C-alpha cells in the first residue's frame, strides 16, 4: 500500500513523499516501514506503543489513533506531523 510521509520524516525515506509498505494493521505497516527505513517508527510511536500526540494518521478517509486499526491492501495511509513552537 502507499504511505504518504510528512516532510519532517522524509530524511528517513531519502526525501520520498510516498513509499510502499505492507501489513494488515497500522502496527504492522509501521513495523514494515521501520524495517525499510530504520528509526522512522520511533518518531511516530512512543515507548508505550501509542501514536505520538503530534502525529496524525488517516487510513483512506478515516482518522485513527489506534495501531490496531485494520489496513487493506488498497488503502492509502497518510501521516501528518504537527509543528509546534513559539
Protein backbone atom coordinates (compact mmCIF):
# COMPACT_ATOMS: atom_id res chain seq x y z
CA UNK A 1 0.00 0.00 0.00
CA UNK A 2 1.00 3.61 -0.41
CA UNK A 3 2.11 5.56 2.67
CA UNK A 4 2.41 9.36 2.46
CA UNK A 5 5.33 10.64 4.54
CA UNK A 6 5.28 14.13 6.11
CA UNK A 7 8.16 16.49 5.34
CA UNK A 8 9.79 16.24 8.83
CA UNK A 9 10.15 12.44 8.43
CA UNK A 10 11.40 12.37 4.85
CA UNK A 11 15.03 12.26 5.95
CA UNK A 12 14.32 8.60 6.77
CA UNK A 13 12.96 7.87 3.28
CA UNK A 14 15.63 9.63 1.20
CA UNK A 15 13.21 12.58 0.77
CA UNK A 16 10.50 10.44 -0.82
CA UNK A 17 6.98 11.81 -0.31
CA UNK A 18 5.37 8.40 -0.57
CA UNK A 19 6.65 4.88 -0.02
CA UNK A 20 5.27 1.37 -0.13
CA UNK A 21 4.62 -0.73 2.97
CA UNK A 22 2.72 -3.89 3.86
CA UNK A 23 0.66 -5.03 6.81
CA UNK A 24 -2.83 -5.93 7.94
CA UNK A 25 -2.90 -3.41 10.81
CA UNK A 26 -1.39 0.02 11.26
CA UNK A 27 1.11 -1.52 13.73
CA UNK A 28 2.27 -3.94 11.03
CA UNK A 29 2.54 -1.15 8.46
CA UNK A 30 4.67 0.91 10.86
CA UNK A 31 6.84 -2.14 11.61
CA UNK A 32 7.34 -2.70 7.87
CA UNK A 33 8.23 0.95 7.40
CA UNK A 34 10.81 0.62 10.19
CA UNK A 35 12.37 -2.44 8.50
CA UNK A 36 12.69 -0.49 5.27
CA UNK A 37 13.56 2.87 6.87
CA UNK A 38 15.21 2.21 10.25
CA UNK A 39 14.28 4.67 13.01
CA UNK A 40 11.10 6.06 11.44
CA UNK A 41 8.72 4.13 13.73
CA UNK A 42 10.22 5.67 16.88
CA UNK A 43 9.38 9.13 15.52
CA UNK A 44 5.71 8.12 15.22
CA UNK A 45 5.19 5.67 18.11
CA UNK A 46 6.26 6.16 21.72
CA UNK A 47 7.68 3.71 24.26
CA UNK A 48 4.16 2.72 25.38
CA UNK A 49 3.26 1.65 21.83
CA UNK A 50 0.94 4.63 21.30
CA UNK A 51 0.92 7.02 18.37
CA UNK A 52 2.76 10.15 19.49
CA UNK A 53 0.47 13.12 20.24
CA UNK A 54 1.87 15.26 17.41
CA UNK A 55 1.32 12.53 14.78
CA UNK A 56 -1.98 12.18 12.94
CA UNK A 57 -2.79 9.18 10.76
CA UNK A 58 -5.54 8.65 8.21
CA UNK A 59 -6.34 5.34 6.58
CA UNK A 60 -8.29 6.20 3.49
CA UNK A 61 -10.62 8.98 4.63
CA UNK A 62 -10.78 7.88 8.29
CA UNK A 63 -8.52 9.27 11.02
CA UNK A 64 -7.21 6.80 13.59
CA UNK A 65 -5.24 6.88 16.84
CA UNK A 66 -5.04 3.08 17.20
CA UNK A 67 -2.22 0.88 15.98
CA UNK A 68 -4.74 -1.99 15.91
CA UNK A 69 -6.73 -0.37 13.07
CA UNK A 70 -7.05 -2.77 10.12
CA UNK A 71 -5.49 -1.69 6.83
CA UNK A 72 -6.50 -3.04 3.44
CA UNK A 73 -4.05 -3.73 0.64
CA UNK A 74 -5.60 -0.94 -1.45
CA UNK A 75 -5.81 1.63 1.36
CA UNK A 76 -3.62 4.70 1.47
CA UNK A 77 -2.06 5.62 4.79
CA UNK A 78 -1.45 9.34 5.23
CA UNK A 79 0.79 10.51 8.08
CA UNK A 80 0.81 14.12 9.24
CA UNK A 81 3.12 15.65 11.78
CA UNK A 82 2.02 18.75 13.66
CA UNK A 83 4.57 21.51 14.04
CA UNK A 84 4.92 23.36 17.29
CA UNK A 85 6.98 26.11 18.72
CA UNK A 86 6.69 29.64 19.75
